[in-house]
N, C-alpha and C. Protein backbone atom coordinates (compact mmCIF):
# COMPACT_ATOMS: atom_id res chain seq x y z
N MET A 1 85.90 132.99 87.15
CA MET A 1 85.63 132.25 86.47
C MET A 1 84.37 131.18 86.93
N GLU A 2 83.06 130.95 86.06
CA GLU A 2 82.05 130.26 87.32
C GLU A 2 81.52 129.34 86.17
N LYS A 3 81.21 127.94 86.39
CA LYS A 3 80.39 127.26 85.64
C LYS A 3 79.60 126.73 86.38
N GLU A 4 78.43 126.23 86.05
CA GLU A 4 77.43 125.75 87.14
C GLU A 4 76.12 124.90 86.23
N ASN A 5 76.01 124.03 86.81
CA ASN A 5 75.02 122.40 86.51
C ASN A 5 74.07 122.92 87.95
N ASN A 6 73.16 121.88 87.55
CA ASN A 6 72.35 121.52 88.41
C ASN A 6 73.33 120.85 89.55
N SER A 7 73.79 119.71 89.34
CA SER A 7 74.47 119.13 90.54
C SER A 7 76.44 119.37 90.15
N HIS A 8 76.32 120.07 89.43
CA HIS A 8 77.85 120.34 88.92
C HIS A 8 78.15 121.66 89.27
N ILE A 9 79.08 121.97 90.08
CA ILE A 9 79.53 123.51 89.91
C ILE A 9 81.09 123.59 90.01
N GLU A 10 81.72 124.69 89.23
CA GLU A 10 83.14 124.52 89.03
C GLU A 10 83.38 126.14 89.20
N ARG A 11 84.34 126.62 90.18
CA ARG A 11 84.69 128.12 90.43
C ARG A 11 85.87 128.02 90.76
N GLU A 12 86.47 129.11 90.44
CA GLU A 12 87.82 129.84 91.05
C GLU A 12 88.02 130.75 92.22
N TYR A 13 88.66 130.48 92.76
CA TYR A 13 88.79 131.84 93.56
C TYR A 13 90.60 132.04 94.37
N ILE A 14 90.51 133.05 94.83
CA ILE A 14 91.75 133.39 95.60
C ILE A 14 91.56 133.62 96.97
N ILE A 15 91.87 132.40 97.71
CA ILE A 15 91.64 132.54 99.14
C ILE A 15 92.62 133.19 99.94
N PRO A 16 92.16 134.16 100.67
CA PRO A 16 93.23 135.21 101.63
C PRO A 16 93.56 134.48 102.71
N LEU A 17 94.87 134.39 103.01
CA LEU A 17 95.12 133.43 104.22
C LEU A 17 95.79 134.14 105.30
N ARG A 18 96.69 134.97 105.19
CA ARG A 18 97.43 135.84 105.93
C ARG A 18 96.38 136.41 107.20
N LYS A 19 95.73 137.07 107.24
CA LYS A 19 94.65 137.50 108.09
C LYS A 19 94.02 136.93 109.16
N ARG A 20 93.87 135.45 108.83
CA ARG A 20 93.16 134.31 109.68
C ARG A 20 94.54 133.64 110.16
N CYS A 21 95.36 133.29 109.31
CA CYS A 21 96.77 132.84 110.13
C CYS A 21 97.23 133.66 111.36
N ASN A 22 97.29 134.77 111.06
CA ASN A 22 98.18 135.71 111.86
C ASN A 22 97.68 135.57 113.63
N ILE A 23 96.64 135.26 113.51
CA ILE A 23 95.91 134.98 115.29
C ILE A 23 96.41 133.88 115.71
N VAL A 24 96.99 132.75 115.21
CA VAL A 24 97.55 131.75 115.73
C VAL A 24 98.76 131.96 116.23
N PRO A 25 99.44 131.10 117.31
CA PRO A 25 100.36 130.83 117.25
C PRO A 25 101.49 130.17 116.10
N ARG A 26 102.95 130.73 116.06
CA ARG A 26 103.52 130.44 114.89
C ARG A 26 103.60 128.86 114.38
N TYR A 27 103.68 128.01 115.39
CA TYR A 27 103.91 126.75 115.52
C TYR A 27 102.44 125.98 115.08
N LYS A 28 101.23 126.73 114.54
CA LYS A 28 100.26 126.24 113.92
C LYS A 28 99.70 126.81 112.83
N LYS A 29 100.31 127.94 112.41
CA LYS A 29 100.08 128.42 111.01
C LYS A 29 99.53 127.80 109.47
N THR A 30 100.55 127.02 109.52
CA THR A 30 99.94 126.12 108.25
C THR A 30 98.51 125.36 108.60
N ASN A 31 98.57 124.48 109.78
CA ASN A 31 97.25 123.90 109.78
C ASN A 31 96.01 124.76 109.71
N LYS A 32 96.20 125.90 110.50
CA LYS A 32 95.30 127.03 110.45
C LYS A 32 95.13 127.27 108.86
N ALA A 33 96.03 127.34 108.08
CA ALA A 33 95.91 127.59 106.58
C ALA A 33 94.99 126.75 106.04
N VAL A 34 95.31 125.60 106.15
CA VAL A 34 94.49 124.31 105.24
C VAL A 34 92.97 124.18 106.36
N LYS A 35 92.86 124.65 106.97
CA LYS A 35 91.21 124.74 107.97
C LYS A 35 90.63 125.96 107.45
N THR A 36 91.24 127.05 107.07
CA THR A 36 91.02 128.26 106.61
C THR A 36 90.56 128.30 105.01
N VAL A 37 91.31 127.36 104.18
CA VAL A 37 90.62 127.40 103.30
C VAL A 37 89.66 126.19 103.10
N LYS A 38 89.20 125.54 103.75
CA LYS A 38 87.74 124.61 104.01
C LYS A 38 86.59 125.42 104.61
N GLU A 39 87.28 126.05 105.58
CA GLU A 39 86.30 127.38 105.99
C GLU A 39 85.52 128.02 104.97
N PHE A 40 86.68 128.54 104.03
CA PHE A 40 86.44 129.54 102.90
C PHE A 40 85.34 128.95 101.84
N LEU A 41 85.48 127.88 101.62
CA LEU A 41 85.09 126.86 100.55
C LEU A 41 83.63 126.72 100.97
N VAL A 42 83.54 125.99 102.30
CA VAL A 42 82.40 125.70 102.82
C VAL A 42 81.42 126.81 102.97
N ARG A 43 81.79 128.25 103.20
CA ARG A 43 81.10 129.34 103.10
C ARG A 43 80.37 129.73 101.58
N HIS A 44 81.33 129.39 100.30
CA HIS A 44 81.21 130.06 99.15
C HIS A 44 80.80 129.09 98.44
N MET A 45 80.93 127.91 98.98
CA MET A 45 80.11 126.84 97.84
C MET A 45 78.70 126.18 98.49
N LYS A 46 78.36 126.97 99.29
CA LYS A 46 77.21 126.90 99.92
C LYS A 46 76.99 125.15 100.53
N ILE A 47 77.69 124.84 101.34
CA ILE A 47 77.54 123.82 101.99
C ILE A 47 76.57 123.91 103.04
N ARG A 48 75.20 123.40 103.22
CA ARG A 48 74.45 123.95 104.08
C ARG A 48 74.97 123.60 105.76
N ASP A 49 75.18 122.11 105.63
CA ASP A 49 75.46 121.67 107.43
C ASP A 49 76.72 121.83 107.74
N LYS A 50 77.51 122.85 106.99
CA LYS A 50 79.13 123.66 107.30
C LYS A 50 80.24 122.30 107.86
N ASP A 51 80.07 121.30 107.28
CA ASP A 51 80.70 120.04 107.05
C ASP A 51 81.96 120.16 106.49
N LEU A 52 83.17 120.21 107.42
CA LEU A 52 84.37 120.67 107.02
C LEU A 52 84.99 119.22 105.80
N ASN A 53 84.50 118.20 106.56
CA ASN A 53 84.81 116.64 105.80
C ASN A 53 84.39 116.52 104.12
N LYS A 54 83.54 117.61 103.69
CA LYS A 54 82.61 117.43 102.57
C LYS A 54 83.64 118.42 101.71
N ILE A 55 85.01 118.91 102.09
CA ILE A 55 86.27 119.37 101.47
C ILE A 55 86.72 118.62 101.26
N LYS A 56 87.30 118.37 99.85
CA LYS A 56 88.53 117.52 99.79
C LYS A 56 89.82 118.13 99.20
N ILE A 57 90.53 118.54 99.79
CA ILE A 57 91.99 119.29 99.30
C ILE A 57 92.77 118.42 98.52
N ASP A 58 93.34 118.57 97.64
CA ASP A 58 94.16 118.07 96.70
C ASP A 58 95.83 117.86 97.19
N LYS A 59 96.08 116.75 96.49
CA LYS A 59 97.05 116.35 97.09
C LYS A 59 98.41 117.71 96.99
N TYR A 60 98.21 118.04 95.77
CA TYR A 60 99.35 119.33 95.34
C TYR A 60 99.12 120.50 96.35
N LEU A 61 97.59 120.74 96.63
CA LEU A 61 97.40 122.22 97.33
C LEU A 61 97.93 122.05 98.97
N ASN A 62 97.74 120.78 98.79
CA ASN A 62 98.26 120.40 100.49
C ASN A 62 99.60 120.81 100.52
N GLU A 63 100.51 120.21 99.53
CA GLU A 63 101.98 120.40 99.53
C GLU A 63 102.14 121.61 99.14
N PHE A 64 101.58 122.57 98.69
CA PHE A 64 101.76 124.31 98.35
C PHE A 64 101.61 124.94 99.82
N LEU A 65 100.58 124.17 100.19
CA LEU A 65 100.44 125.38 101.45
C LEU A 65 101.67 125.04 102.64
N TRP A 66 102.10 123.27 102.89
CA TRP A 66 102.86 123.29 103.20
C TRP A 66 104.64 123.31 102.90
N MET A 67 104.59 123.83 101.83
CA MET A 67 106.15 124.07 100.89
C MET A 67 107.19 124.94 102.17
N ARG A 68 106.50 125.77 102.70
CA ARG A 68 107.96 126.39 103.36
C ARG A 68 107.64 125.95 104.93
N GLY A 69 106.90 125.02 105.38
CA GLY A 69 106.83 124.70 106.85
C GLY A 69 105.93 124.86 107.73
N ILE A 70 105.72 124.52 108.89
CA ILE A 70 104.53 124.63 109.81
C ILE A 70 104.40 126.35 110.22
N LYS A 71 105.45 127.07 109.79
CA LYS A 71 105.56 128.36 110.43
C LYS A 71 105.25 129.52 109.32
N TYR A 72 105.51 129.26 108.33
CA TYR A 72 105.19 130.10 107.26
C TYR A 72 104.78 129.73 105.75
N PRO A 73 103.38 129.71 106.13
CA PRO A 73 102.51 129.08 105.12
C PRO A 73 102.17 130.61 103.86
N PRO A 74 101.74 130.47 102.76
CA PRO A 74 101.71 131.41 101.67
C PRO A 74 100.33 132.14 102.48
N SER A 75 100.59 133.68 102.12
CA SER A 75 99.86 134.66 102.35
C SER A 75 98.39 134.63 101.44
N LYS A 76 98.15 133.84 100.70
CA LYS A 76 97.03 133.49 99.63
C LYS A 76 97.55 132.59 98.86
N VAL A 77 96.19 131.92 98.08
CA VAL A 77 96.27 130.88 96.92
C VAL A 77 95.04 130.97 96.44
N LYS A 78 95.39 130.72 95.17
CA LYS A 78 94.50 130.57 93.88
C LYS A 78 94.28 129.16 93.63
N VAL A 79 92.55 129.09 93.77
CA VAL A 79 92.27 127.76 93.67
C VAL A 79 91.18 127.29 92.55
N LYS A 80 90.80 126.13 92.34
CA LYS A 80 90.01 125.96 91.44
C LYS A 80 88.90 124.87 92.10
N ALA A 81 87.43 124.93 92.69
CA ALA A 81 86.76 124.16 93.29
C ALA A 81 85.76 123.65 92.61
N VAL A 82 85.29 122.39 92.27
CA VAL A 82 84.17 121.96 91.81
C VAL A 82 83.67 120.73 92.67
N LYS A 83 82.53 121.42 92.81
CA LYS A 83 81.27 120.67 93.70
C LYS A 83 80.50 119.69 92.32
N GLU A 84 80.67 118.22 93.16
CA GLU A 84 79.34 117.30 92.51
C GLU A 84 78.82 116.95 93.63
N ASN A 85 77.51 116.87 93.71
CA ASN A 85 77.01 116.36 94.85
C ASN A 85 77.01 117.27 95.91
N ASP A 86 77.49 116.83 97.04
CA ASP A 86 77.54 117.59 98.13
C ASP A 86 79.57 117.68 98.66
N ILE A 87 79.87 117.11 97.66
CA ILE A 87 81.45 117.00 97.83
C ILE A 87 82.31 118.22 97.03
N VAL A 88 82.74 118.56 97.58
CA VAL A 88 83.55 119.82 96.73
C VAL A 88 85.34 119.29 96.98
N LYS A 89 85.92 119.38 95.59
CA LYS A 89 86.96 118.51 95.41
C LYS A 89 87.93 120.41 94.91
N VAL A 90 89.09 120.43 95.48
CA VAL A 90 89.59 121.59 95.68
C VAL A 90 91.00 121.08 94.74
N GLU A 91 91.56 122.25 93.91
CA GLU A 91 92.93 122.00 93.19
C GLU A 91 93.55 123.35 92.99
N LEU A 92 94.92 123.03 93.06
CA LEU A 92 95.71 124.40 93.32
C LEU A 92 95.85 124.55 91.57
N LEU A 93 95.41 125.96 91.40
CA LEU A 93 95.26 126.60 89.97
C LEU A 93 96.43 126.93 89.24
N GLU A 94 97.27 127.41 89.82
CA GLU A 94 98.86 127.78 89.03
C GLU A 94 99.61 127.16 90.13
N LEU A 95 100.42 125.83 89.47
CA LEU A 95 101.25 125.07 90.05
C LEU A 95 102.63 125.95 89.90
N PRO A 96 103.50 126.10 91.52
CA PRO A 96 104.65 126.55 91.51
C PRO A 96 105.37 125.25 90.42
N GLU A 97 106.76 125.75 89.86
CA GLU A 97 107.69 125.14 89.11
C GLU A 97 108.00 123.64 90.04
N LYS A 98 108.34 123.64 91.15
CA LYS A 98 109.11 122.57 91.88
C LYS A 98 107.61 121.49 91.97
N ILE A 99 106.52 122.25 92.27
CA ILE A 99 105.38 121.10 92.40
C ILE A 99 105.00 120.43 90.90
N LYS A 100 105.11 121.14 90.07
CA LYS A 100 104.72 121.23 88.35
C LYS A 100 105.52 119.59 88.06
N TYR A 101 107.00 119.70 88.37
CA TYR A 101 107.96 118.91 88.01
C TYR A 101 107.61 117.60 88.76
N LYS A 102 107.25 117.42 89.62
CA LYS A 102 106.84 116.61 90.87
C LYS A 102 105.66 115.92 90.09
N LYS A 103 104.36 116.73 90.01
CA LYS A 103 103.26 116.11 89.51
C LYS A 103 103.75 115.35 87.70
N ILE A 104 104.30 116.20 87.40
CA ILE A 104 104.99 115.25 85.86
C ILE A 104 105.52 113.99 86.24
N ARG A 105 106.38 113.93 87.18
CA ARG A 105 106.89 112.69 87.09
C ARG A 105 106.27 111.52 87.74
N GLU A 106 105.24 112.07 88.44
CA GLU A 106 104.31 110.81 89.16
C GLU A 106 103.56 110.86 88.15
N GLU A 107 103.05 111.69 87.53
CA GLU A 107 101.79 110.95 86.16
C GLU A 107 102.92 110.02 85.28
N LYS A 108 103.93 110.30 84.75
CA LYS A 108 105.05 109.29 84.04
C LYS A 108 105.08 107.95 84.75
N ILE A 109 105.05 107.78 86.40
CA ILE A 109 105.36 106.80 86.81
C ILE A 109 103.97 105.89 86.56
N VAL A 110 102.87 106.60 87.24
CA VAL A 110 101.66 106.05 86.84
C VAL A 110 101.44 105.39 85.60
N GLN A 111 101.54 105.89 84.56
CA GLN A 111 101.40 106.04 83.12
C GLN A 111 102.30 104.76 82.78
N GLU A 112 103.33 104.58 83.09
CA GLU A 112 104.39 103.17 83.25
C GLU A 112 103.89 101.97 83.89
N GLY A 113 103.45 102.82 85.06
CA GLY A 113 102.52 101.26 85.59
C GLY A 113 101.74 100.80 84.92
N ARG A 114 101.18 101.43 84.53
CA ARG A 114 99.22 101.13 83.86
C ARG A 114 100.08 100.20 82.45
N GLU A 115 101.09 100.92 81.91
CA GLU A 115 101.65 99.86 80.68
C GLU A 115 102.12 98.67 81.20
N LYS A 116 102.44 98.75 82.30
CA LYS A 116 103.61 97.75 82.57
C LYS A 116 102.44 96.25 82.69
N ALA A 117 101.60 96.94 83.66
CA ALA A 117 100.18 96.23 84.27
C ALA A 117 99.41 95.59 82.98
N LYS A 118 99.42 96.25 81.54
CA LYS A 118 98.80 96.08 80.32
C LYS A 118 99.50 95.13 79.87
N LYS A 119 100.69 95.27 79.64
CA LYS A 119 101.71 94.11 79.01
C LYS A 119 101.41 92.88 79.68
N LYS A 120 101.55 93.04 81.18
CA LYS A 120 101.48 91.82 81.76
C LYS A 120 100.16 91.16 81.70
N LYS A 121 99.21 91.44 81.76
CA LYS A 121 97.78 91.00 81.13
C LYS A 121 97.88 90.42 79.54
N GLU A 122 98.48 91.11 79.09
CA GLU A 122 98.46 90.49 77.55
C GLU A 122 99.47 89.36 77.53
N GLU A 123 100.70 89.33 78.14
CA GLU A 123 101.20 87.70 78.46
C GLU A 123 100.81 87.05 79.14
N LYS A 124 99.78 87.39 80.01
CA LYS A 124 99.17 86.42 80.72
C LYS A 124 98.09 85.90 79.82
N ILE A 125 97.29 86.64 79.11
CA ILE A 125 96.36 85.96 78.08
C ILE A 125 97.06 85.12 76.67
N LYS A 126 98.20 85.33 76.74
CA LYS A 126 99.01 84.76 75.54
C LYS A 126 99.36 83.27 76.30
N GLN A 127 99.76 83.43 77.57
CA GLN A 127 100.12 82.04 78.07
C GLN A 127 99.01 81.09 78.69
N GLU A 128 97.62 82.01 78.32
CA GLU A 128 96.37 80.88 78.74
C GLU A 128 96.27 79.97 77.51
N GLU A 129 96.17 81.25 76.22
CA GLU A 129 95.96 80.54 75.03
C GLU A 129 97.02 79.38 74.87
N VAL A 130 98.41 79.93 75.06
CA VAL A 130 99.17 78.48 74.98
C VAL A 130 99.16 77.58 75.53
N SER A 131 98.56 77.89 76.95
CA SER A 131 98.19 76.73 77.67
C SER A 131 97.15 75.50 77.70
N LYS A 132 96.13 76.63 76.58
CA LYS A 132 95.17 75.67 76.28
C LYS A 132 95.32 75.06 75.04
N GLU A 133 96.16 75.71 74.11
CA GLU A 133 96.55 74.76 72.96
C GLU A 133 97.29 73.42 73.26
N THR A 134 98.20 73.56 74.62
CA THR A 134 99.07 72.70 74.75
C THR A 134 98.35 71.46 75.63
N THR A 135 97.08 72.05 76.43
CA THR A 135 96.22 71.14 77.12
C THR A 135 95.70 70.65 75.93
N SER A 136 95.10 71.04 74.60
CA SER A 136 94.26 70.15 73.64
C SER A 136 95.37 69.06 73.01
N GLU A 137 96.52 69.64 72.89
CA GLU A 137 97.62 68.74 72.04
C GLU A 137 97.51 67.84 73.01
N LYS A 138 97.74 67.91 74.56
CA LYS A 138 97.88 66.51 75.37
C LYS A 138 96.74 65.92 75.73
N ILE A 139 95.36 66.51 75.33
CA ILE A 139 94.54 65.62 75.09
C ILE A 139 94.57 64.85 73.74
N GLU A 140 95.02 65.45 72.74
CA GLU A 140 94.78 64.74 71.41
C GLU A 140 96.00 63.36 71.82
N LYS A 141 96.98 64.04 71.94
CA LYS A 141 98.28 62.76 72.32
C LYS A 141 97.99 61.65 72.83
N LYS A 142 97.28 61.96 74.33
CA LYS A 142 96.86 60.61 75.27
C LYS A 142 95.65 60.06 74.52
N GLU A 143 94.64 60.78 73.66
CA GLU A 143 93.89 59.65 72.73
C GLU A 143 94.11 59.10 71.72
N SER A 144 95.49 59.77 71.25
CA SER A 144 96.14 58.80 70.01
C SER A 144 96.98 57.69 71.07
N ILE A 145 97.14 58.20 71.86
CA ILE A 145 98.19 56.61 72.56
C ILE A 145 97.17 55.42 72.91
N GLU A 146 95.93 56.17 73.39
CA GLU A 146 94.93 55.31 74.07
C GLU A 146 94.13 54.58 72.77
N GLU A 147 94.48 55.08 71.75
CA GLU A 147 93.68 54.51 70.42
C GLU A 147 94.56 53.39 69.76
N GLN A 148 96.27 53.65 70.19
CA GLN A 148 96.92 52.68 69.57
C GLN A 148 97.21 51.39 70.86
N LYS A 149 97.09 51.81 71.85
CA LYS A 149 96.71 50.94 72.61
C LYS A 149 95.73 49.61 72.68
N GLU A 150 94.69 50.67 72.26
CA GLU A 150 93.39 49.79 72.01
C GLU A 150 93.26 48.87 70.41
N LYS A 151 94.07 49.37 69.62
CA LYS A 151 94.75 48.69 68.49
C LYS A 151 95.48 47.46 69.13
N GLU A 152 96.68 47.77 69.52
CA GLU A 152 97.47 46.94 69.93
C GLU A 152 96.69 45.38 70.90
N VAL A 153 96.09 46.35 71.49
CA VAL A 153 95.22 44.93 72.42
C VAL A 153 94.14 44.17 71.42
N ALA A 154 93.70 44.89 70.54
CA ALA A 154 92.42 44.22 69.53
C ALA A 154 93.67 43.32 68.59
N VAL A 155 94.80 43.41 68.40
CA VAL A 155 95.93 42.58 67.44
C VAL A 155 95.85 41.53 68.29
N VAL A 156 96.49 41.81 69.39
CA VAL A 156 96.76 40.56 70.58
C VAL A 156 95.56 39.46 70.68
N GLU A 157 94.28 39.88 70.90
CA GLU A 157 93.31 39.18 70.79
C GLU A 157 93.07 38.25 69.74
N GLN A 158 93.19 39.14 68.39
CA GLN A 158 93.09 38.34 66.94
C GLN A 158 93.96 37.46 67.08
N GLN A 159 95.26 37.45 67.45
CA GLN A 159 96.37 36.61 67.15
C GLN A 159 95.77 35.40 67.87
N GLU A 160 95.39 35.53 69.51
CA GLU A 160 94.96 34.55 70.08
C GLU A 160 93.60 33.72 69.74
N LYS A 161 92.69 34.64 68.98
CA LYS A 161 91.84 33.83 68.46
C LYS A 161 92.25 33.32 67.31
N ILE A 162 92.84 33.49 66.48
CA ILE A 162 93.55 33.01 65.46
C ILE A 162 94.42 31.39 65.93
N GLU A 163 95.23 32.04 66.81
CA GLU A 163 96.14 30.33 67.51
C GLU A 163 94.89 29.74 68.05
N LYS A 164 93.94 29.69 68.80
CA LYS A 164 92.97 28.97 69.31
C LYS A 164 92.37 28.06 68.31
N GLN A 165 91.77 28.82 67.16
CA GLN A 165 91.47 28.07 65.93
C GLN A 165 92.24 27.28 65.35
N GLU A 166 93.52 27.75 64.98
CA GLU A 166 94.52 26.62 64.27
C GLU A 166 94.66 25.26 65.46
N SER A 167 94.77 25.65 66.32
CA SER A 167 95.02 24.41 67.37
C SER A 167 93.73 23.48 67.50
N LYS A 168 92.47 24.30 67.43
CA LYS A 168 91.33 23.08 67.13
C LYS A 168 91.05 22.35 66.07
N LYS A 169 91.94 23.04 64.74
CA LYS A 169 92.02 22.42 63.60
C LYS A 169 93.26 21.33 63.71
N LEU A 170 94.18 21.59 64.14
CA LEU A 170 95.23 20.85 64.22
C LEU A 170 94.94 19.64 65.11
N LYS A 171 94.05 19.67 66.34
CA LYS A 171 93.55 18.75 67.16
C LYS A 171 93.00 17.87 66.29
N HIS A 172 92.06 18.34 65.29
CA HIS A 172 91.17 17.49 64.66
C HIS A 172 91.68 16.82 63.60
N GLU A 173 92.60 17.47 63.06
CA GLU A 173 93.16 16.78 61.58
C GLU A 173 94.18 15.64 62.35
N THR A 174 95.01 15.95 63.35
CA THR A 174 95.92 15.02 63.50
C THR A 174 95.58 13.60 64.80
N LYS A 175 95.89 12.56 64.42
CA LYS A 175 95.55 11.36 65.38
C LYS A 175 96.60 11.51 66.33
N ALA A 176 96.51 11.10 67.82
CA ALA A 176 97.41 10.81 68.34
C ALA A 176 98.07 9.41 68.17
N GLU A 177 99.30 9.14 68.62
CA GLU A 177 99.72 8.00 68.39
C GLU A 177 99.86 7.32 69.23
N SER A 178 99.57 5.88 69.08
CA SER A 178 99.86 5.06 70.17
C SER A 178 101.10 4.66 70.38
N PRO A 179 101.39 3.99 71.71
CA PRO A 179 102.87 3.84 72.01
C PRO A 179 103.44 2.81 71.13
N LYS A 180 102.74 2.12 70.48
CA LYS A 180 103.19 1.13 69.54
C LYS A 180 103.75 1.94 68.24
N GLU A 181 102.75 2.59 67.91
CA GLU A 181 103.30 3.65 66.65
C GLU A 181 104.36 4.24 66.85
N GLN A 182 104.64 4.97 67.77
CA GLN A 182 105.78 5.72 68.19
C GLN A 182 106.86 4.74 68.28
N LYS A 183 106.92 3.50 68.96
CA LYS A 183 107.81 2.77 69.36
C LYS A 183 108.58 2.16 67.50
N ASN A 184 107.61 1.88 66.84
CA ASN A 184 107.95 1.65 65.09
C ASN A 184 108.61 2.86 64.82
N LYS A 185 108.27 3.81 64.68
CA LYS A 185 108.83 5.27 64.11
C LYS A 185 110.07 5.40 64.73
N LYS A 186 110.53 4.84 66.17
CA LYS A 186 111.97 5.03 66.45
C LYS A 186 112.59 3.89 65.76
N SER A 187 112.26 3.00 65.83
CA SER A 187 112.74 1.70 65.37
C SER A 187 113.30 1.94 63.62
N ALA A 188 112.16 2.56 63.10
CA ALA A 188 112.85 2.70 61.65
C ALA A 188 113.58 4.24 61.55
N TYR A 189 113.28 5.04 62.46
CA TYR A 189 114.59 6.23 62.53
C TYR A 189 115.86 5.78 62.53
N ASN A 190 116.17 4.73 63.62
CA ASN A 190 117.09 4.40 64.25
C ASN A 190 117.98 3.42 62.87
N GLN A 191 117.00 2.52 62.28
CA GLN A 191 117.62 1.34 61.22
C GLN A 191 117.80 2.38 60.14
N GLN A 192 117.46 4.05 59.74
CA GLN A 192 118.22 4.17 58.58
C GLN A 192 119.31 5.32 59.18
N GLY A 193 119.74 5.35 60.60
CA GLY A 193 120.77 5.97 61.00
C GLY A 193 121.93 4.71 60.64
N ARG A 194 121.66 3.80 60.84
CA ARG A 194 122.50 2.98 60.70
C ARG A 194 123.08 2.32 59.40
N GLY A 195 122.40 2.69 58.52
CA GLY A 195 122.88 2.45 57.35
C GLY A 195 121.90 1.04 56.66
N HIS A 196 121.15 0.71 57.24
CA HIS A 196 120.10 -0.66 56.92
C HIS A 196 119.21 -0.30 55.79
């Protein structure tokens, strides 16, 4: 199967590994299998500078190659290669049961993580709204308290003005009693108390 565009090429290959892996010692076979996959794709996906670093192997393909250990890689592997610009991404086409279930579990964990992050974001937004409301309420309360204090101060000032005005009126209306008048008042009071 092959789909080609100017910058996007998608192909499926069955890559033989046995012939290339048999020429290396047993303890290097899976390493050679990974390198063989990259070399095959460099040749067939037409990467001009033969740079193996432009081939990106999928996590599950790598796991499939290493599943039986370093000494016993698979003899062939079926892959899907997608070339975008100069980089080729390689995926395993047919996942074995063990890897398929692992992939499903990991996708489920990632999905749950995204949902949790989304919930946290929503909660954070709600808390920010509540804090904005509470800050606006606090500001309103502060303003109302300041207004009440200003009113109280104004009332006290008014009372002081009124008292000053009354004291001025009383000062002008009443005469100061001379010491003789005060003495006469006292004697008159005393005489009333004696019954005279």
